[in-house]
């Protein structure tokens, strides 16, 4: 969750410069599934399906894939030989599940209130979205949110998006968005993976890698947190040092396994690979998936976006 006092504080000339199109990720970039390494696979499936309302798209052996309508949000993989993740390490701050509208978000919140009320940690109105925060049974952060219409998003004088963490009353949100008269849906609230929020050791290094090298653009800059995206979205990835300032490379542990990014075409992937090579980032490409690590050892996989309805 973003601290209540968080506001955009200063312009940054690097945020205002015009960058050549071939230095940027495609406007059609989206986030693919987040992989979590878990200890209790059955318990985590129950939390994310019964609580968060994701569908179980696949479950075989030690791996489960969850999402909605073929859109993959989460891959859970059971491991038995790793220690728990420490909150001061680089890694996952939260996985953010985006719901199609406020009514769908309200239905998911009702499900969470019934199934796992003790995992709720807070809520906030971020001006461009309304968000509710949880911590899953193994300590991974979860955000459930819905966007406001893009035409209502506000901008600062420096051109960056306005960002705040204003008070958001969960009960009032539910009263406003749940109608007793409306028929109860028979399917899960429509959702997808909206963004991934990471803990990193320092913001300048994260900015150099994710913005200058990968090709994301800065949308909001709060000093200790950076919000970046492709195509003008408020953020596909966020980076913060609130718990992890000074953290070095990640130790093997439960929690975040990998982050997936989907690009529209093979040409987009080839352009990214060339850019990474130019910046001396080690990559592996098996013909379908481009793999590399960020400065803290988080594995990132880039693939061509699947056709609609294909998990």
Protein backbone atom coordinates (compact mmCIF):
# COMPACT_ATOMS: atom_id res chain seq x y z
CA UNK A 1 0.00 0.00 0.00
CA UNK A 2 1.24 3.52 -0.78
CA UNK A 3 1.81 5.63 2.37
CA UNK A 4 -0.98 8.16 3.04
CA UNK A 5 1.46 11.08 2.82
CA UNK A 6 2.64 10.13 -0.68
CA UNK A 7 2.32 12.97 -3.16
CA UNK A 8 4.24 13.95 -6.27
CA UNK A 9 6.92 16.32 -5.05
CA UNK A 10 9.18 17.46 -7.85
CA UNK A 11 9.69 17.45 -11.59
CA UNK A 12 12.51 15.37 -12.99
CA UNK A 13 13.99 16.37 -16.35
CA UNK A 14 14.43 12.70 -17.26
CA UNK A 15 10.66 12.26 -17.04
CA UNK A 16 10.02 15.11 -19.47
CA UNK A 17 12.45 14.31 -22.25
CA UNK A 18 11.13 12.96 -25.53
CA UNK A 19 12.46 9.49 -26.23
CA UNK A 20 12.74 7.84 -29.65
CA UNK A 21 10.00 5.28 -30.24
CA UNK A 22 12.52 2.46 -30.65
CA UNK A 23 13.76 3.13 -27.12
CA UNK A 24 10.30 2.36 -25.72
CA UNK A 25 8.23 -0.74 -25.18
CA UNK A 26 5.19 -1.08 -27.41
CA UNK A 27 2.02 0.74 -26.39
CA UNK A 28 0.39 -2.71 -26.42
CA UNK A 29 2.60 -4.05 -23.62
CA UNK A 30 0.73 -5.82 -20.81
CA UNK A 31 1.75 -7.74 -17.74
CA UNK A 32 1.70 -11.52 -17.88
CA UNK A 33 1.32 -13.85 -14.93
CA UNK A 34 3.20 -13.47 -11.66
CA UNK A 35 4.71 -16.71 -10.38
CA UNK A 36 4.67 -17.35 -6.64
CA UNK A 37 6.71 -20.09 -5.02
CA UNK A 38 4.55 -21.44 -2.21
CA UNK A 39 4.67 -23.96 0.58
CA UNK A 40 0.97 -24.82 0.95
CA UNK A 41 -0.32 -25.10 -2.61
CA UNK A 42 -3.84 -26.21 -1.68
CA UNK A 43 -4.22 -23.41 0.86
CA UNK A 44 -2.99 -20.79 -1.59
CA UNK A 45 -5.29 -22.07 -4.34
CA UNK A 46 -8.20 -21.73 -1.93
CA UNK A 47 -7.19 -18.19 -0.98
CA UNK A 48 -6.86 -16.93 -4.53
CA UNK A 49 -9.87 -18.78 -5.93
CA UNK A 50 -12.44 -18.67 -3.12
CA UNK A 51 -11.19 -15.38 -1.68
CA UNK A 52 -9.80 -13.28 -4.54
CA UNK A 53 -12.30 -14.97 -6.96
CA UNK A 54 -9.78 -16.09 -9.59
CA UNK A 55 -10.69 -19.20 -11.57
CA UNK A 56 -8.42 -22.25 -11.43
CA UNK A 57 -7.49 -22.55 -15.10
CA UNK A 58 -5.07 -25.46 -14.66
CA UNK A 59 -3.90 -27.62 -11.76
CA UNK A 60 -1.42 -30.39 -12.26
CA UNK A 61 0.93 -31.78 -9.65
CA UNK A 62 2.85 -28.98 -7.93
CA UNK A 63 1.61 -26.18 -10.20
CA UNK A 64 -1.65 -24.27 -10.48
CA UNK A 65 -2.61 -21.50 -12.92
CA UNK A 66 -5.29 -18.99 -11.90
CA UNK A 67 -6.98 -16.19 -13.78
CA UNK A 68 -10.25 -15.32 -15.45
CA UNK A 69 -11.72 -16.10 -18.87
CA UNK A 70 -8.39 -17.47 -20.09
CA UNK A 71 -6.43 -14.44 -18.84
CA UNK A 72 -3.69 -15.75 -16.56
CA UNK A 73 -3.03 -13.73 -13.41
CA UNK A 74 -1.07 -16.05 -11.16
CA UNK A 75 0.99 -19.22 -11.33
CA UNK A 76 1.50 -21.01 -8.03
CA UNK A 77 4.35 -23.50 -7.79
CA UNK A 78 4.88 -25.64 -4.70
CA UNK A 79 8.47 -25.92 -3.45
CA UNK A 80 9.60 -27.69 -0.31
CA UNK A 81 13.21 -26.71 0.15
CA UNK A 82 13.22 -22.90 0.34
CA UNK A 83 13.10 -20.60 3.38
CA UNK A 84 10.46 -17.92 3.82
CA UNK A 85 11.00 -14.56 2.14
CA UNK A 86 12.15 -11.72 4.42
CA UNK A 87 10.27 -8.38 4.16
CA UNK A 88 13.49 -6.36 3.90
CA UNK A 89 14.65 -8.24 0.80
CA UNK A 90 14.16 -7.18 -2.79
CA UNK A 91 11.19 -9.00 -4.28
CA UNK A 92 7.42 -8.66 -4.39
CA UNK A 93 5.56 -5.82 -2.69
CA UNK A 94 2.23 -6.88 -4.17
CA UNK A 95 0.50 -8.48 -7.11
CA UNK A 96 -2.29 -6.20 -8.32
CA UNK A 97 -5.49 -7.73 -9.68
CA UNK A 98 -7.47 -5.30 -11.85
CA UNK A 99 -11.26 -5.64 -11.97
CA UNK A 100 -13.34 -4.42 -14.89
CA UNK A 101 -15.42 -1.99 -12.83
CA UNK A 102 -16.30 -0.95 -9.29
CA UNK A 103 -19.17 -3.44 -9.06
CA UNK A 104 -16.88 -6.36 -9.93
CA UNK A 105 -14.34 -5.14 -7.38
CA UNK A 106 -17.05 -4.85 -4.73
CA UNK A 107 -18.13 -8.45 -5.32
CA UNK A 108 -14.54 -9.63 -4.93
CA UNK A 109 -14.19 -7.64 -1.70
CA UNK A 110 -17.34 -9.26 -0.37
CA UNK A 111 -15.83 -12.65 -1.12
CA UNK A 112 -12.63 -11.69 0.71
CA UNK A 113 -14.61 -10.42 3.68
CA UNK A 114 -16.32 -13.81 3.97
CA UNK A 115 -13.33 -16.04 3.28
CA UNK A 116 -10.29 -14.22 4.64
CA UNK A 117 -11.23 -11.03 6.53
CA UNK A 118 -8.09 -11.16 8.65
CA UNK A 119 -5.86 -10.64 5.61
CA UNK A 120 -7.15 -7.11 4.87
CA UNK A 121 -4.47 -4.46 5.47
CA UNK A 122 -5.89 -1.20 4.10
CA UNK A 123 -7.41 0.79 1.26
CA UNK A 124 -6.70 3.99 -0.66
CA UNK A 125 -8.06 6.28 -3.34
CA UNK A 126 -5.12 6.90 -5.69
CA UNK A 127 -7.02 9.42 -7.87
CA UNK A 128 -6.74 7.20 -10.96
CA UNK A 129 -7.88 4.05 -9.12
CA UNK A 130 -9.47 2.76 -5.95
CA UNK A 131 -7.50 0.00 -4.25
CA UNK A 132 -7.81 -2.49 -1.40
CA UNK A 133 -4.82 -4.29 0.08
CA UNK A 134 -4.33 -7.73 1.60
CA UNK A 135 -1.54 -10.08 2.63
CA UNK A 136 -1.98 -13.70 1.58
CA UNK A 137 -1.40 -16.62 4.00
CA UNK A 138 2.29 -16.85 3.05
CA UNK A 139 3.03 -13.14 3.37
CA UNK A 140 2.69 -11.99 -0.24
CA UNK A 141 1.07 -8.62 -0.82
CA UNK A 142 -2.15 -8.47 -2.87
CA UNK A 143 -3.93 -5.44 -4.30
CA UNK A 144 -7.48 -5.59 -5.65
CA UNK A 145 -8.41 -2.46 -7.59
CA UNK A 146 -10.49 -0.83 -10.28
CA UNK A 147 -9.47 2.09 -12.48
CA UNK A 148 -11.27 5.34 -12.94
CA UNK A 149 -11.86 6.40 -16.58
CA UNK A 150 -8.56 7.45 -18.15
CA UNK A 151 -9.96 10.83 -19.20
CA UNK A 152 -10.38 11.73 -15.50
CA UNK A 153 -6.75 11.08 -14.54
CA UNK A 154 -5.08 14.26 -13.32
CA UNK A 155 -1.59 15.53 -14.16
CA UNK A 156 0.96 17.61 -12.33
CA UNK A 157 2.58 20.72 -13.80
CA UNK A 158 5.57 18.56 -14.78
CA UNK A 159 3.36 16.33 -16.94
CA UNK A 160 3.46 13.30 -14.65
CA UNK A 161 0.29 11.73 -13.29
CA UNK A 162 -1.04 13.01 -10.00
CA UNK A 163 -0.85 10.36 -7.30
CA UNK A 164 -2.14 10.32 -3.75
CA UNK A 165 -3.31 7.85 -1.15
CA UNK A 166 -6.52 9.45 0.07
CA UNK A 167 -8.79 7.81 2.60
CA UNK A 168 -11.16 5.23 1.11
CA UNK A 169 -13.88 3.79 3.34
CA UNK A 170 -14.33 0.09 2.47
CA UNK A 171 -17.85 -0.09 3.87
CA UNK A 172 -18.99 2.98 1.96
CA UNK A 173 -17.44 1.58 -1.22
CA UNK A 174 -19.39 -1.64 -0.76
CA UNK A 175 -22.64 0.16 0.02
CA UNK A 176 -22.26 2.28 -3.10
CA UNK A 177 -21.38 -0.54 -5.47
CA UNK A 178 -23.43 -3.52 -4.26
CA UNK A 179 -27.09 -3.44 -5.22
CA UNK A 180 -29.57 -5.68 -3.43
CA UNK A 181 -31.96 -5.34 -6.35
CA UNK A 182 -29.46 -6.44 -8.99
CA UNK A 183 -29.40 -10.18 -9.79
CA UNK A 184 -26.38 -11.95 -8.32
CA UNK A 185 -23.83 -12.87 -11.01
CA UNK A 186 -23.19 -16.56 -11.50
CA UNK A 187 -19.58 -16.06 -12.64
CA UNK A 188 -16.51 -14.63 -10.92
CA UNK A 189 -15.92 -10.86 -11.21
CA UNK A 190 -13.98 -10.16 -14.42
CA UNK A 191 -10.33 -9.51 -13.63
CA UNK A 192 -6.82 -9.50 -15.03
CA UNK A 193 -3.31 -8.71 -13.84
CA UNK A 194 -3.08 -4.93 -13.76
CA UNK A 195 0.41 -4.30 -12.42
CA UNK A 196 3.23 -5.68 -10.31
CA UNK A 197 4.78 -3.71 -7.46
CA UNK A 198 8.37 -4.64 -6.57
CA UNK A 199 10.67 -3.94 -3.66
CA UNK A 200 14.15 -2.90 -4.81
CA UNK A 201 17.41 -1.81 -3.22
CA UNK A 202 17.49 1.70 -4.71
CA UNK A 203 15.40 3.74 -7.13
CA UNK A 204 18.16 5.13 -9.43
CA UNK A 205 19.37 1.60 -10.28
CA UNK A 206 15.79 0.46 -10.82
CA UNK A 207 15.10 3.42 -13.04
CA UNK A 208 18.20 2.84 -15.14
CA UNK A 209 17.18 -0.78 -15.71
CA UNK A 210 13.40 -0.63 -16.10
CA UNK A 211 13.14 2.77 -17.82
CA UNK A 212 16.40 3.48 -19.64
CA UNK A 213 17.09 -0.13 -20.64
CA UNK A 214 13.76 -1.99 -20.86
CA UNK A 215 11.85 0.96 -22.26
CA UNK A 216 9.10 1.73 -19.76
CA UNK A 217 8.16 5.39 -19.22
CA UNK A 218 7.88 7.16 -15.89
CA UNK A 219 4.29 8.04 -15.01
CA UNK A 220 4.72 9.14 -11.37
CA UNK A 221 7.80 9.75 -9.23
CA UNK A 222 7.53 9.90 -5.46
CA UNK A 223 11.22 9.74 -4.64
CA UNK A 224 11.14 6.48 -2.71
CA UNK A 225 8.76 4.94 -5.27
CA UNK A 226 8.62 5.03 -9.05
CA UNK A 227 5.58 4.16 -11.17
CA UNK A 228 6.27 3.17 -14.78
CA UNK A 229 4.29 1.91 -17.75
CA UNK A 230 3.97 1.48 -21.49
CA UNK A 231 1.26 3.14 -23.57
CA UNK A 232 0.25 5.74 -20.99
CA UNK A 233 -1.22 3.40 -18.33
CA UNK A 234 -0.79 4.69 -14.77
CA UNK A 235 1.67 1.88 -14.05
CA UNK A 236 2.47 -1.63 -15.16
CA UNK A 237 5.34 -1.86 -12.68
CA UNK A 238 6.08 0.06 -9.49
CA UNK A 239 9.35 0.07 -7.60
CA UNK A 240 9.81 1.12 -3.99
CA UNK A 241 12.42 1.08 -1.21
CA UNK A 242 10.03 1.49 1.74
CA UNK A 243 11.15 -1.78 3.37
CA UNK A 244 14.14 -2.73 1.23
CA UNK A 245 16.49 0.27 0.92
CA UNK A 246 20.00 -0.98 0.34
CA UNK A 247 18.92 -4.55 -0.42
CA UNK A 248 21.32 -6.57 -2.55
CA UNK A 249 20.62 -9.50 -4.86
CA UNK A 250 17.76 -11.71 -3.74
CA UNK A 251 18.42 -14.92 -1.89
CA UNK A 252 16.49 -17.99 -2.99
CA UNK A 253 13.26 -18.08 -0.99
CA UNK A 254 9.53 -18.57 -1.10
CA UNK A 255 7.51 -15.72 -2.58
CA UNK A 256 8.16 -14.15 -5.95
CA UNK A 257 9.36 -16.61 -8.55
CA UNK A 258 9.24 -14.55 -11.73
CA UNK A 259 7.50 -11.67 -13.48
CA UNK A 260 6.09 -12.02 -16.99
CA UNK A 261 5.69 -9.25 -19.55
CA UNK A 262 3.66 -9.75 -22.73
CA UNK A 263 4.54 -7.85 -25.92
CA UNK A 264 2.25 -7.72 -28.97
CA UNK A 265 4.61 -9.13 -31.62
CA UNK A 266 7.79 -11.09 -32.14
CA UNK A 267 9.34 -7.95 -33.63
CA UNK A 268 8.75 -6.15 -30.33
CA UNK A 269 10.57 -8.94 -28.50
CA UNK A 270 13.47 -8.82 -30.96
CA UNK A 271 13.78 -5.06 -30.49
CA UNK A 272 13.85 -5.48 -26.72
CA UNK A 273 16.48 -8.21 -26.96
CA UNK A 274 18.66 -5.94 -29.09
CA UNK A 275 18.27 -3.11 -26.60
CA UNK A 276 19.19 -5.39 -23.70
CA UNK A 277 22.25 -6.61 -25.58
CA UNK A 278 23.30 -3.02 -26.26
CA UNK A 279 23.12 -2.40 -22.49
CA UNK A 280 25.11 -5.58 -21.78
CA UNK A 281 22.26 -7.38 -20.05
CA UNK A 282 22.64 -11.16 -20.25
CA UNK A 283 19.63 -12.74 -21.96
CA UNK A 284 18.41 -16.20 -22.89
CA UNK A 285 15.98 -16.71 -25.77
CA UNK A 286 14.61 -20.15 -26.58
CA UNK A 287 12.61 -18.99 -29.59
CA UNK A 288 9.45 -18.41 -27.61
CA UNK A 289 10.53 -16.75 -24.36
CA UNK A 290 13.11 -14.04 -23.68
CA UNK A 291 14.56 -14.33 -20.17
CA UNK A 292 16.78 -12.03 -18.14
CA UNK A 293 17.22 -10.80 -14.56
CA UNK A 294 16.87 -7.35 -13.05
CA UNK A 295 19.68 -5.90 -10.87
CA UNK A 296 18.33 -7.75 -7.81
CA UNK A 297 18.08 -11.14 -9.47
CA UNK A 298 14.33 -11.12 -10.17
CA UNK A 299 13.69 -13.29 -13.22
CA UNK A 300 11.72 -11.57 -15.98
CA UNK A 301 10.21 -13.49 -18.87
CA UNK A 302 8.98 -11.75 -22.00
CA UNK A 303 6.76 -13.48 -24.53
CA UNK A 304 4.30 -12.62 -27.27
CA UNK A 305 0.88 -11.97 -25.81
CA UNK A 306 -1.39 -15.02 -26.13
CA UNK A 307 -4.51 -14.86 -28.24
CA UNK A 308 -7.68 -13.99 -26.25
CA UNK A 309 -8.98 -16.96 -24.30
CA UNK A 310 -5.67 -18.84 -24.42
CA UNK A 311 -4.08 -19.48 -21.00
